[in-house]
Amino acid sequence: MTDVRKSGLVAIAGRPNAGKSTLLNRVLGSAVSIVTPKAQTTRERVLGILTEKQGQIVFVDTPGIHSAKKGGFNEFMVHEAAEALDGPNLIWYLVDPDSAPEHEKAVLTILDSKADRSTPIWILLNKSDLGREVSQFGKTIEDQLKAFGFKTVRTLSISARRGAGVDTLVSETWSLIPNGPFLFSDEEQISDRPLRFFVAEKIREQLFLKLGDELPYSCAVEITKYNEKSDPIRIEAVIHVERDSQKGMVIGAKGHKIKEIGTAARQSIESFIGGTIFLGLQVKVLPHWTRNADNLKKLGYHLPQDKRKSQ
């Protein structure tokens, strides 16, 4: 008898800080996406792979959708989110109850321009554990999507942080996943990203947690060495900032801040990989990298026009 199993894609979309990464980590039972209290923590599309007896669902965690000027890092993030809406079997549209219909305009605009009208959209009203009345809010967004011509729209209430409603959400999602070959043959694999990516993300997570409100957005992390043969594993990374004044803030008085960041990042990485590491950090200035196409490319962030030129 042939083993028929399901395989499909689910895109997770929403505004910054709606809880997308928290939800993906909850579904997978692993911290594949970093989570901080600050908005726009997620910068790139990250695939999370759930393989169970029914089959395989590949979830696409996206940067928060917001209005962005052309030619800079914000354009890159919005483009990453928009590209994820091309061809999934289902879209999970996560909504924070503290939002409002007028604040959802950027997300609705992207869905209207990028998503196929036959793709089901589930509006997930997050943070149900806060006990707020959000039913009318969900109905307003649902009506807007239906007015755009989307054929299948429904609203569910969940708590990504507490897990309320998540098991039911995943169970019902399987009903929309078609039979087909797996996208990833290794059934133990939980993401498409290499280990270096997650190491850089764990460091960047600590920058968001340990620094002030604005500074982490001017920081990028580059892994310059990852030696698995050494004992302990030796990892060296550069934290890029845009100005000399920012470099001093990341290092801190007598190096205390960079030491604090490094210690927390090392502990997080060790927990993730299940082994002991040595972590060396440097801070360098890469002027205006968030607005310079060449510097963005150097750090692996390719603007939409760069991608078009390479095709």
C-alpha atoms as a PDB file:
ATOM      1  CA  MET A   1       0.000   0.000   0.000  1.00  0.00           C
ATOM      2  CA  THR A   2       1.378   3.418  -0.949  1.00  0.00           C
ATOM      3  CA  ASP A   3       2.121   5.797   1.900  1.00  0.00           C
ATOM      4  CA  VAL A   4       0.159   8.901   0.861  1.00  0.00           C
ATOM      5  CA  ARG A   5       1.141  11.973   2.862  1.00  0.00           C
ATOM      6  CA  LYS A   6       0.406  15.669   2.711  1.00  0.00           C
ATOM      7  CA  SER A   7       2.753  18.484   1.791  1.00  0.00           C
ATOM      8  CA  GLY A   8       2.165  22.217   1.550  1.00  0.00           C
ATOM      9  CA  LEU A   9       3.024  25.809   2.416  1.00  0.00           C
ATOM     10  CA  VAL A  10       1.551  28.180   4.998  1.00  0.00           C
ATOM     11  CA  ALA A  11       2.570  31.864   4.967  1.00  0.00           C
ATOM     12  CA  ILE A  12       2.419  33.780   8.241  1.00  0.00           C
ATOM     13  CA  ALA A  13       1.746  37.480   7.660  1.00  0.00           C
ATOM     14  CA  GLY A  14       0.921  40.509   9.774  1.00  0.00           C
ATOM     15  CA  ARG A  15       2.112  43.819  11.134  1.00  0.00           C
ATOM     16  CA  PRO A  16       5.351  44.158  13.122  1.00  0.00           C
ATOM     17  CA  ASN A  17       5.130  42.662  16.616  1.00  0.00           C
ATOM     18  CA  ALA A  18       1.848  40.841  15.952  1.00  0.00           C
ATOM     19  CA  GLY A  19       3.354  37.593  17.280  1.00  0.00           C
ATOM     20  CA  LYS A  20       4.249  35.749  14.060  1.00  0.00           C
ATOM     21  CA  SER A  21       7.595  34.417  15.257  1.00  0.00           C
ATOM     22  CA  THR A  22       6.158  33.458  18.642  1.00  0.00           C
ATOM     23  CA  LEU A  23       3.457  31.461  16.872  1.00  0.00           C
ATOM     24  CA  LEU A  24       5.921  29.678  14.582  1.00  0.00           C
ATOM     25  CA  ASN A  25       8.141  28.736  17.526  1.00  0.00           C
ATOM     26  CA  ARG A  26       5.081  27.454  19.397  1.00  0.00           C
ATOM     27  CA  VAL A  27       3.987  25.292  16.455  1.00  0.00           C
ATOM     28  CA  LEU A  28       7.463  23.829  15.898  1.00  0.00           C
ATOM     29  CA  GLY A  29       8.414  23.503  19.561  1.00  0.00           C
ATOM     30  CA  SER A  30      11.758  25.130  18.746  1.00  0.00           C
ATOM     31  CA  ALA A  31      13.042  28.714  18.654  1.00  0.00           C
ATOM     32  CA  VAL A  32      13.759  29.012  14.931  1.00  0.00           C
ATOM     33  CA  SER A  33      12.719  32.679  14.911  1.00  0.00           C
ATOM     34  CA  ILE A  34      14.058  35.172  17.422  1.00  0.00           C
ATOM     35  CA  VAL A  35      11.500  36.994  19.543  1.00  0.00           C
ATOM     36  CA  THR A  36      11.883  40.316  21.354  1.00  0.00           C
ATOM     37  CA  PRO A  37       9.444  42.967  22.617  1.00  0.00           C
ATOM     38  CA  LYS A  38      10.603  45.341  19.868  1.00  0.00           C
ATOM     39  CA  ALA A  39       8.820  45.631  16.530  1.00  0.00           C
ATOM     40  CA  GLN A  40      10.450  44.455  13.283  1.00  0.00           C
ATOM     41  CA  THR A  41      12.767  41.982  14.990  1.00  0.00           C
ATOM     42  CA  THR A  42      12.366  39.538  12.086  1.00  0.00           C
ATOM     43  CA  ARG A  43      14.275  40.755   9.008  1.00  0.00           C
ATOM     44  CA  GLU A  44      14.179  37.858   6.556  1.00  0.00           C
ATOM     45  CA  ARG A  45      11.870  35.069   5.540  1.00  0.00           C
ATOM     46  CA  VAL A  46      12.516  32.019   7.679  1.00  0.00           C
ATOM     47  CA  LEU A  47      11.092  28.611   6.818  1.00  0.00           C
ATOM     48  CA  GLY A  48       9.902  26.440   9.683  1.00  0.00           C
ATOM     49  CA  ILE A  49       9.321  22.771   8.806  1.00  0.00           C
ATOM     50  CA  LEU A  50       6.735  20.684  10.641  1.00  0.00           C
ATOM     51  CA  THR A  51       6.850  16.985   9.726  1.00  0.00           C
ATOM     52  CA  GLU A  52       4.301  14.697  11.369  1.00  0.00           C
ATOM     53  CA  LYS A  53       2.592  11.429  10.518  1.00  0.00           C
ATOM     54  CA  GLN A  54       0.099  13.302   8.276  1.00  0.00           C
ATOM     55  CA  GLY A  55       2.851  14.852   6.205  1.00  0.00           C
ATOM     56  CA  GLN A  56       4.862  18.073   6.073  1.00  0.00           C
ATOM     57  CA  ILE A  57       3.880  21.722   6.398  1.00  0.00           C
ATOM     58  CA  VAL A  58       6.455  24.380   5.572  1.00  0.00           C
ATOM     59  CA  PHE A  59       5.669  27.631   7.377  1.00  0.00           C
ATOM     60  CA  VAL A  60       7.065  30.920   6.094  1.00  0.00           C
ATOM     61  CA  ASP A  61       7.685  33.438   8.873  1.00  0.00           C
ATOM     62  CA  THR A  62       7.889  36.925   7.405  1.00  0.00           C
ATOM     63  CA  PRO A  63       9.044  40.385   8.533  1.00  0.00           C
ATOM     64  CA  GLY A  64       6.242  42.619   9.758  1.00  0.00           C
ATOM     65  CA  ILE A  65       4.466  44.392   6.908  1.00  0.00           C
ATOM     66  CA  HIS A  66       4.592  48.173   7.110  1.00  0.00           C
ATOM     67  CA  SER A  67       4.875  51.208   4.855  1.00  0.00           C
ATOM     68  CA  ALA A  68       8.427  51.570   3.540  1.00  0.00           C
ATOM     69  CA  LYS A  69      10.393  53.998   1.406  1.00  0.00           C
ATOM     70  CA  LYS A  70      12.238  52.610  -1.603  1.00  0.00           C
ATOM     71  CA  GLY A  71      15.942  51.947  -1.643  1.00  0.00           C
ATOM     72  CA  GLY A  72      16.589  51.043   1.985  1.00  0.00           C
ATOM     73  CA  PHE A  73      16.436  48.208   4.468  1.00  0.00           C
ATOM     74  CA  ASN A  74      12.712  48.645   5.165  1.00  0.00           C
ATOM     75  CA  GLU A  75      11.981  48.053   1.474  1.00  0.00           C
ATOM     76  CA  PHE A  76      13.940  44.801   1.688  1.00  0.00           C
ATOM     77  CA  MET A  77      11.868  43.593   4.653  1.00  0.00           C
ATOM     78  CA  VAL A  78       8.512  44.425   3.070  1.00  0.00           C
ATOM     79  CA  HIS A  79       9.603  42.733  -0.174  1.00  0.00           C
ATOM     80  CA  GLU A  80      10.556  39.606   1.808  1.00  0.00           C
ATOM     81  CA  ALA A  81       7.062  39.504   3.300  1.00  0.00           C
ATOM     82  CA  ALA A  82       5.320  40.128  -0.016  1.00  0.00           C
ATOM     83  CA  GLU A  83       7.233  37.356  -1.797  1.00  0.00           C
ATOM     84  CA  ALA A  84       6.031  34.832   0.786  1.00  0.00           C
ATOM     85  CA  LEU A  85       2.423  35.444  -0.255  1.00  0.00           C
ATOM     86  CA  ASP A  86       3.006  34.071  -3.740  1.00  0.00           C
ATOM     87  CA  GLY A  87       1.669  30.515  -3.871  1.00  0.00           C
ATOM     88  CA  PRO A  88       0.983  29.204  -0.333  1.00  0.00           C
ATOM     89  CA  ASN A  89      -1.867  26.777   0.361  1.00  0.00           C
ATOM     90  CA  LEU A  90      -3.039  28.967   3.237  1.00  0.00           C
ATOM     91  CA  ILE A  91      -2.238  32.372   4.725  1.00  0.00           C
ATOM     92  CA  TRP A  92      -2.283  32.870   8.469  1.00  0.00           C
ATOM     93  CA  TYR A  93      -2.893  36.602   8.948  1.00  0.00           C
ATOM     94  CA  LEU A  94      -1.944  37.377  12.535  1.00  0.00           C
ATOM     95  CA  VAL A  95      -3.557  40.425  14.139  1.00  0.00           C
ATOM     96  CA  ASP A  96      -2.694  42.077  17.452  1.00  0.00           C
ATOM     97  CA  PRO A  97      -5.850  43.118  19.396  1.00  0.00           C
ATOM     98  CA  ASP A  98      -4.157  46.456  20.167  1.00  0.00           C
ATOM     99  CA  SER A  99      -4.214  47.241  16.462  1.00  0.00           C
ATOM    100  CA  ALA A 100      -7.112  48.826  14.562  1.00  0.00           C
ATOM    101  CA  PRO A 101      -8.480  48.449  11.011  1.00  0.00           C
ATOM    102  CA  GLU A 102      -6.753  51.638   9.848  1.00  0.00           C
ATOM    103  CA  HIS A 103      -3.407  50.315  11.111  1.00  0.00           C
ATOM    104  CA  GLU A 104      -3.820  47.145   9.063  1.00  0.00           C
ATOM    105  CA  LYS A 105      -3.855  49.056   5.761  1.00  0.00           C
ATOM    106  CA  ALA A 106      -0.278  48.103   4.773  1.00  0.00           C
ATOM    107  CA  VAL A 107      -0.976  44.393   5.317  1.00  0.00           C
ATOM    108  CA  LEU A 108      -4.290  44.511   3.469  1.00  0.00           C
ATOM    109  CA  THR A 109      -2.644  46.353   0.565  1.00  0.00           C
ATOM    110  CA  ILE A 110       0.052  43.666   0.228  1.00  0.00           C
ATOM    111  CA  LEU A 111      -2.531  40.877   0.426  1.00  0.00           C
ATOM    112  CA  ASP A 112      -4.636  42.617  -2.209  1.00  0.00           C
ATOM    113  CA  SER A 113      -1.693  43.020  -4.592  1.00  0.00           C
ATOM    114  CA  LYS A 114       0.183  39.732  -4.039  1.00  0.00           C
ATOM    115  CA  ALA A 115      -2.135  36.967  -2.824  1.00  0.00           C
ATOM    116  CA  ASP A 116      -4.172  34.786  -5.169  1.00  0.00           C
ATOM    117  CA  ARG A 117      -7.906  35.228  -4.585  1.00  0.00           C
ATOM    118  CA  SER A 118      -8.353  31.465  -4.313  1.00  0.00           C
ATOM    119  CA  THR A 119      -5.871  31.228  -1.414  1.00  0.00           C
ATOM    120  CA  PRO A 120      -7.707  30.837   1.920  1.00  0.00           C
ATOM    121  CA  ILE A 121      -6.887  33.482   4.511  1.00  0.00           C
ATOM    122  CA  TRP A 122      -7.371  32.813   8.206  1.00  0.00           C
ATOM    123  CA  ILE A 123      -7.392  35.907  10.397  1.00  0.00           C
ATOM    124  CA  LEU A 124      -5.802  34.910  13.696  1.00  0.00           C
ATOM    125  CA  LEU A 125      -6.766  37.273  16.498  1.00  0.00           C
ATOM    126  CA  ASN A 126      -3.774  36.848  18.775  1.00  0.00           C
ATOM    127  CA  LYS A 127      -3.393  37.307  22.533  1.00  0.00           C
ATOM    128  CA  SER A 128      -6.754  35.771  23.414  1.00  0.00           C
ATOM    129  CA  ASP A 129      -5.364  35.293  26.942  1.00  0.00           C
ATOM    130  CA  LEU A 130      -5.673  39.060  27.482  1.00  0.00           C
ATOM    131  CA  GLY A 131      -9.457  38.701  27.451  1.00  0.00           C
ATOM    132  CA  ARG A 132     -10.157  41.637  25.122  1.00  0.00           C
ATOM    133  CA  GLU A 133     -13.266  41.861  22.967  1.00  0.00           C
ATOM    134  CA  VAL A 134     -11.971  41.632  19.405  1.00  0.00           C
ATOM    135  CA  SER A 135     -14.797  39.916  17.504  1.00  0.00           C
ATOM    136  CA  GLN A 136     -15.950  43.100  15.706  1.00  0.00           C
ATOM    137  CA  PHE A 137     -12.354  43.968  14.822  1.00  0.00           C
ATOM    138  CA  GLY A 138     -11.933  40.572  13.157  1.00  0.00           C
ATOM    139  CA  LYS A 139     -15.247  40.931  11.339  1.00  0.00           C
ATOM    140  CA  THR A 140     -14.172  44.318   9.923  1.00  0.00           C
ATOM    141  CA  ILE A 141     -10.947  42.871   8.489  1.00  0.00           C
ATOM    142  CA  GLU A 142     -12.797  39.801   7.217  1.00  0.00           C
ATOM    143  CA  ASP A 143     -15.286  42.007   5.358  1.00  0.00           C
ATOM    144  CA  GLN A 144     -12.435  43.994   3.799  1.00  0.00           C
ATOM    145  CA  LEU A 145     -10.747  40.847   2.489  1.00  0.00           C
ATOM    146  CA  LYS A 146     -14.024  39.535   1.106  1.00  0.00           C
ATOM    147  CA  ALA A 147     -14.539  42.883  -0.621  1.00  0.00           C
ATOM    148  CA  PHE A 148     -11.158  42.324  -2.323  1.00  0.00           C
ATOM    149  CA  GLY A 149     -12.558  39.084  -3.729  1.00  0.00           C
ATOM    150  CA  PHE A 150     -10.936  36.479  -1.478  1.00  0.00           C
ATOM    151  CA  LYS A 151     -13.240  33.469  -1.539  1.00  0.00           C
ATOM    152  CA  THR A 152     -12.348  31.805   1.770  1.00  0.00           C
ATOM    153  CA  VAL A 153     -11.849  33.996   4.829  1.00  0.00           C
ATOM    154  CA  ARG A 154     -12.403  32.976   8.437  1.00  0.00           C
ATOM    155  CA  THR A 155     -11.473  34.342  11.854  1.00  0.00           C
ATOM    156  CA  LEU A 156     -10.028  32.396  14.775  1.00  0.00           C
ATOM    157  CA  SER A 157      -8.890  33.461  18.230  1.00  0.00           C
ATOM    158  CA  ILE A 158      -5.559  32.187  19.587  1.00  0.00           C
ATOM    159  CA  SER A 159      -2.760  32.966  22.012  1.00  0.00           C
ATOM    160  CA  ALA A 160       0.650  32.391  20.430  1.00  0.00           C
ATOM    161  CA  ARG A 161       2.375  33.009  23.765  1.00  0.00           C
ATOM    162  CA  ARG A 162       0.163  30.769  25.901  1.00  0.00           C
ATOM    163  CA  GLY A 163      -0.681  28.245  23.189  1.00  0.00           C
ATOM    164  CA  ALA A 164      -4.456  28.587  23.511  1.00  0.00           C
ATOM    165  CA  GLY A 165      -6.163  27.476  20.299  1.00  0.00           C
ATOM    166  CA  VAL A 166      -2.882  26.633  18.554  1.00  0.00           C
ATOM    167  CA  ASP A 167      -3.357  22.848  18.524  1.00  0.00           C
ATOM    168  CA  THR A 168      -6.806  23.310  16.993  1.00  0.00           C
ATOM    169  CA  LEU A 169      -5.389  25.781  14.483  1.00  0.00           C
ATOM    170  CA  VAL A 170      -2.728  23.328  13.304  1.00  0.00           C
ATOM    171  CA  SER A 171      -5.202  20.428  13.232  1.00  0.00           C
ATOM    172  CA  GLU A 172      -7.601  22.385  11.027  1.00  0.00           C
ATOM    173  CA  THR A 173      -4.743  23.619   8.840  1.00  0.00           C
ATOM    174  CA  TRP A 174      -3.903  20.013   7.895  1.00  0.00           C
ATOM    175  CA  SER A 175      -7.334  19.755   6.241  1.00  0.00           C
ATOM    176  CA  LEU A 176      -6.217  22.326   3.619  1.00  0.00           C
ATOM    177  CA  ILE A 177      -2.858  20.735   2.854  1.00  0.00           C
ATOM    178  CA  PRO A 178      -2.905  18.604  -0.335  1.00  0.00           C
ATOM    179  CA  ASN A 179      -1.238  15.251  -0.883  1.00  0.00           C
ATOM    180  CA  GLY A 180       2.192  15.526  -2.430  1.00  0.00           C
ATOM    181  CA  PRO A 181       5.940  14.964  -2.139  1.00  0.00           C
ATOM    182  CA  PHE A 182       7.815  16.569   0.733  1.00  0.00           C
ATOM    183  CA  LEU A 183       9.716  19.770   0.040  1.00  0.00           C
ATOM    184  CA  PHE A 184      12.379  18.625   2.513  1.00  0.00           C
ATOM    185  CA  SER A 185      13.336  14.950   2.581  1.00  0.00           C
ATOM    186  CA  ASP A 186      15.012  15.031   6.003  1.00  0.00           C
ATOM    187  CA  GLU A 187      12.113  14.532   8.413  1.00  0.00           C
ATOM    188  CA  GLU A 188      14.201  15.830  11.342  1.00  0.00           C
ATOM    189  CA  GLN A 189      14.928  19.159   9.626  1.00  0.00           C
ATOM    190  CA  ILE A 190      13.116  22.148  11.168  1.00  0.00           C
ATOM    191  CA  SER A 191      14.298  24.982   8.886  1.00  0.00           C
ATOM    192  CA  ASP A 192      15.939  25.700   5.543  1.00  0.00           C
ATOM    193  CA  ARG A 193      18.533  27.977   7.128  1.00  0.00           C
ATOM    194  CA  PRO A 194      22.111  26.889   7.938  1.00  0.00           C
ATOM    195  CA  LEU A 195      23.377  26.873  11.520  1.00  0.00           C
ATOM    196  CA  ARG A 196      25.421  30.032  10.879  1.00  0.00           C
ATOM    197  CA  PHE A 197      22.175  31.933  10.256  1.00  0.00           C
ATOM    198  CA  PHE A 198      20.715  30.910  13.612  1.00  0.00           C
ATOM    199  CA  VAL A 199      23.955  31.760  15.413  1.00  0.00           C
ATOM    200  CA  ALA A 200      23.865  35.265  13.912  1.00  0.00           C
ATOM    201  CA  GLU A 201      20.196  35.594  14.852  1.00  0.00           C
ATOM    202  CA  LYS A 202      20.853  34.582  18.469  1.00  0.00           C
ATOM    203  CA  ILE A 203      23.484  37.323  18.691  1.00  0.00           C
ATOM    204  CA  ARG A 204      21.157  39.844  17.056  1.00  0.00           C
ATOM    205  CA  GLU A 205      18.407  38.853  19.495  1.00  0.00           C
ATOM    206  CA  GLN A 206      20.612  39.910  22.393  1.00  0.00           C
ATOM    207  CA  LEU A 207      21.318  43.239  20.709  1.00  0.00           C
ATOM    208  CA  PHE A 208      17.581  43.886  20.748  1.00  0.00           C
ATOM    209  CA  LEU A 209      17.252  42.767  24.360  1.00  0.00           C
ATOM    210  CA  LYS A 210      20.326  44.495  25.808  1.00  0.00           C
ATOM    211  CA  LEU A 211      20.437  47.791  23.898  1.00  0.00           C
ATOM    212  CA  GLY A 212      18.165  50.842  23.709  1.00  0.00           C
ATOM    213  CA  ASP A 213      15.073  51.258  21.565  1.00  0.00           C
ATOM    214  CA  GLU A 214      16.638  52.463  18.302  1.00  0.00           C
ATOM    215  CA  LEU A 215      20.222  51.167  18.304  1.00  0.00           C
ATOM    216  CA  PRO A 216      19.494  47.473  17.448  1.00  0.00           C
ATOM    217  CA  TYR A 217      17.925  48.512  14.135  1.00  0.00           C
ATOM    218  CA  SER A 218      21.308  49.909  13.105  1.00  0.00           C
ATOM    219  CA  CYS A 219      23.102  46.652  13.933  1.00  0.00           C
ATOM    220  CA  ALA A 220      23.802  43.694  11.659  1.00  0.00           C
ATOM    221  CA  VAL A 221      25.654  40.507  12.555  1.00  0.00           C
ATOM    222  CA  GLU A 222      28.147  38.740  10.290  1.00  0.00           C
ATOM    223  CA  ILE A 223      29.592  35.340  11.219  1.00  0.00           C
ATOM    224  CA  THR A 224      33.269  35.379  10.181  1.00  0.00           C
ATOM    225  CA  LYS A 225      34.343  32.007  11.593  1.00  0.00           C
ATOM    226  CA  TYR A 226      32.498  28.826  12.548  1.00  0.00           C
ATOM    227  CA  ASN A 227      34.908  26.006  13.369  1.00  0.00           C
ATOM    228  CA  GLU A 228      33.018  22.860  14.365  1.00  0.00           C
ATOM    229  CA  LYS A 229      36.268  20.843  14.635  1.00  0.00           C
ATOM    230  CA  SER A 230      37.629  22.837  17.554  1.00  0.00           C
ATOM    231  CA  ASP A 231      36.707  21.966  21.148  1.00  0.00           C
ATOM    232  CA  PRO A 232      34.762  23.930  22.139  1.00  0.00           C
ATOM    233  CA  ILE A 233      33.268  25.019  18.815  1.00  0.00           C
ATOM    234  CA  ARG A 234      34.836  28.378  17.924  1.00  0.00           C
ATOM    235  CA  ILE A 235      32.560  31.101  16.588  1.00  0.00           C
ATOM    236  CA  GLU A 236      33.645  34.622  15.736  1.00  0.00           C
ATOM    237  CA  ALA A 237      31.273  37.374  14.635  1.00  0.00           C
ATOM    238  CA  VAL A 238      31.293  41.043  13.705  1.00  0.00           C
ATOM    239  CA  ILE A 239      28.523  43.384  14.818  1.00  0.00           C
ATOM    240  CA  HIS A 240      28.228  46.108  12.189  1.00  0.00           C
ATOM    241  CA  VAL A 241      26.882  49.525  13.167  1.00  0.00           C
ATOM    242  CA  GLU A 242      26.447  52.698  11.129  1.00  0.00           C
ATOM    243  CA  ARG A 243      28.327  55.313  13.208  1.00  0.00           C
ATOM    244  CA  ASP A 244      31.284  55.551  15.596  1.00  0.00           C
ATOM    245  CA  SER A 245      28.990  56.729  18.390  1.00  0.00           C
ATOM    246  CA  GLN A 246      26.956  53.531  18.013  1.00  0.00           C
ATOM    247  CA  LYS A 247      30.111  51.433  18.230  1.00  0.00           C
ATOM    248  CA  GLY A 248      30.868  52.950  21.624  1.00  0.00           C
ATOM    249  CA  MET A 249      27.348  52.250  22.843  1.00  0.00           C
ATOM    250  CA  VAL A 250      27.513  48.583  21.821  1.00  0.00           C
ATOM    251  CA  ILE A 251      30.895  48.124  23.495  1.00  0.00           C
ATOM    252  CA  GLY A 252      29.912  50.083  26.601  1.00  0.00           C
ATOM    253  CA  ALA A 253      32.061  51.518  29.374  1.00  0.00           C
ATOM    254  CA  LYS A 254      35.187  49.363  29.797  1.00  0.00           C
ATOM    255  CA  GLY A 255      33.620  46.777  27.470  1.00  0.00           C
ATOM    256  CA  HIS A 256      30.857  45.838  29.921  1.00  0.00           C
ATOM    257  CA  LYS A 257      27.978  45.989  27.414  1.00  0.00           C
ATOM    258  CA  ILE A 258      29.620  43.827  24.733  1.00  0.00           C
ATOM    259  CA  LYS A 259      30.582  41.338  27.444  1.00  0.00           C
ATOM    260  CA  GLU A 260      26.969  41.210  28.637  1.00  0.00           C
ATOM    261  CA  ILE A 261      25.723  40.712  25.074  1.00  0.00           C
ATOM    262  CA  GLY A 262      28.329  38.032  24.387  1.00  0.00           C
ATOM    263  CA  THR A 263      27.581  36.056  27.547  1.00  0.00           C
ATOM    264  CA  ALA A 264      23.839  36.003  26.905  1.00  0.00           C
ATOM    265  CA  ALA A 265      24.312  35.160  23.207  1.00  0.00           C
ATOM    266  CA  ARG A 266      26.726  32.334  24.034  1.00  0.00           C
ATOM    267  CA  GLN A 267      24.247  30.800  26.465  1.00  0.00           C
ATOM    268  CA  SER A 268      21.430  31.079  23.910  1.00  0.00           C
ATOM    269  CA  ILE A 269      23.531  29.501  21.136  1.00  0.00           C
ATOM    270  CA  GLU A 270      24.697  26.673  23.393  1.00  0.00           C
ATOM    271  CA  SER A 271      21.097  25.916  24.330  1.00  0.00           C
ATOM    272  CA  PHE A 272      20.092  25.907  20.659  1.00  0.00           C
ATOM    273  CA  ILE A 273      22.881  23.670  19.341  1.00  0.00           C
ATOM    274  CA  GLY A 274      23.213  21.521  22.446  1.00  0.00           C
ATOM    275  CA  GLY A 275      26.968  22.007  22.869  1.00  0.00           C
ATOM    276  CA  THR A 276      29.677  24.249  24.289  1.00  0.00           C
ATOM    277  CA  ILE A 277      31.075  27.140  22.233  1.00  0.00           C
ATOM    278  CA  PHE A 278      33.629  29.909  22.365  1.00  0.00           C
ATOM    279  CA  LEU A 279      32.131  33.155  21.067  1.00  0.00           C
ATOM    280  CA  GLY A 280      34.270  36.090  20.024  1.00  0.00           C
ATOM    281  CA  LEU A 281      32.620  39.418  19.129  1.00  0.00           C
ATOM    282  CA  GLN A 282      33.959  42.515  17.383  1.00  0.00           C
ATOM    283  CA  VAL A 283      32.168  45.778  16.591  1.00  0.00           C
ATOM    284  CA  LYS A 284      32.885  47.592  13.320  1.00  0.00           C
ATOM    285  CA  VAL A 285      31.439  50.645  11.574  1.00  0.00           C
ATOM    286  CA  LEU A 286      29.882  50.103   8.151  1.00  0.00           C
ATOM    287  CA  PRO A 287      28.609  53.592   7.305  1.00  0.00           C
ATOM    288  CA  HIS A 288      24.898  53.949   6.517  1.00  0.00           C
ATOM    289  CA  TRP A 289      24.520  50.237   5.745  1.00  0.00           C
ATOM    290  CA  THR A 290      20.721  50.353   6.183  1.00  0.00           C
ATOM    291  CA  ARG A 291      20.435  52.857   3.308  1.00  0.00           C
ATOM    292  CA  ASN A 292      23.315  51.810   1.053  1.00  0.00           C
ATOM    293  CA  ALA A 293      22.538  49.119  -1.532  1.00  0.00           C
ATOM    294  CA  ASP A 294      26.143  47.911  -1.764  1.00  0.00           C
ATOM    295  CA  ASN A 295      26.506  47.596   1.999  1.00  0.00           C
ATOM    296  CA  LEU A 296      23.140  45.854   2.268  1.00  0.00           C
ATOM    297  CA  LYS A 297      24.290  43.369  -0.373  1.00  0.00           C
ATOM    298  CA  LYS A 298      27.558  42.804   1.514  1.00  0.00           C
ATOM    299  CA  LEU A 299      25.528  41.736   4.531  1.00  0.00           C
ATOM    300  CA  GLY A 300      23.297  39.452   2.450  1.00  0.00           C
ATOM    301  CA  TYR A 301      20.281  41.745   2.177  1.00  0.00           C
ATOM    302  CA  HIS A 302      19.429  42.055  -1.510  1.00  0.00           C
ATOM    303  CA  LEU A 303      16.992  44.790  -2.486  1.00  0.00           C
ATOM    304  CA  PRO A 304      14.251  43.912  -5.008  1.00  0.00           C
ATOM    305  CA  GLN A 305      16.076  45.614  -7.880  1.00  0.00           C
ATOM    306  CA  ASP A 306      19.219  43.547  -7.131  1.00  0.00           C
ATOM    307  CA  LYS A 307      17.174  40.361  -7.400  1.00  0.00           C
ATOM    308  CA  ARG A 308      15.665  41.444 -10.699  1.00  0.00           C
ATOM    309  CA  LYS A 309      19.124  42.202 -12.148  1.00  0.00           C
ATOM    310  CA  SER A 310      20.371  38.716 -11.228  1.00  0.00           C
ATOM    311  CA  GLN A 311      17.490  36.962 -12.996  1.00  0.00           C
END
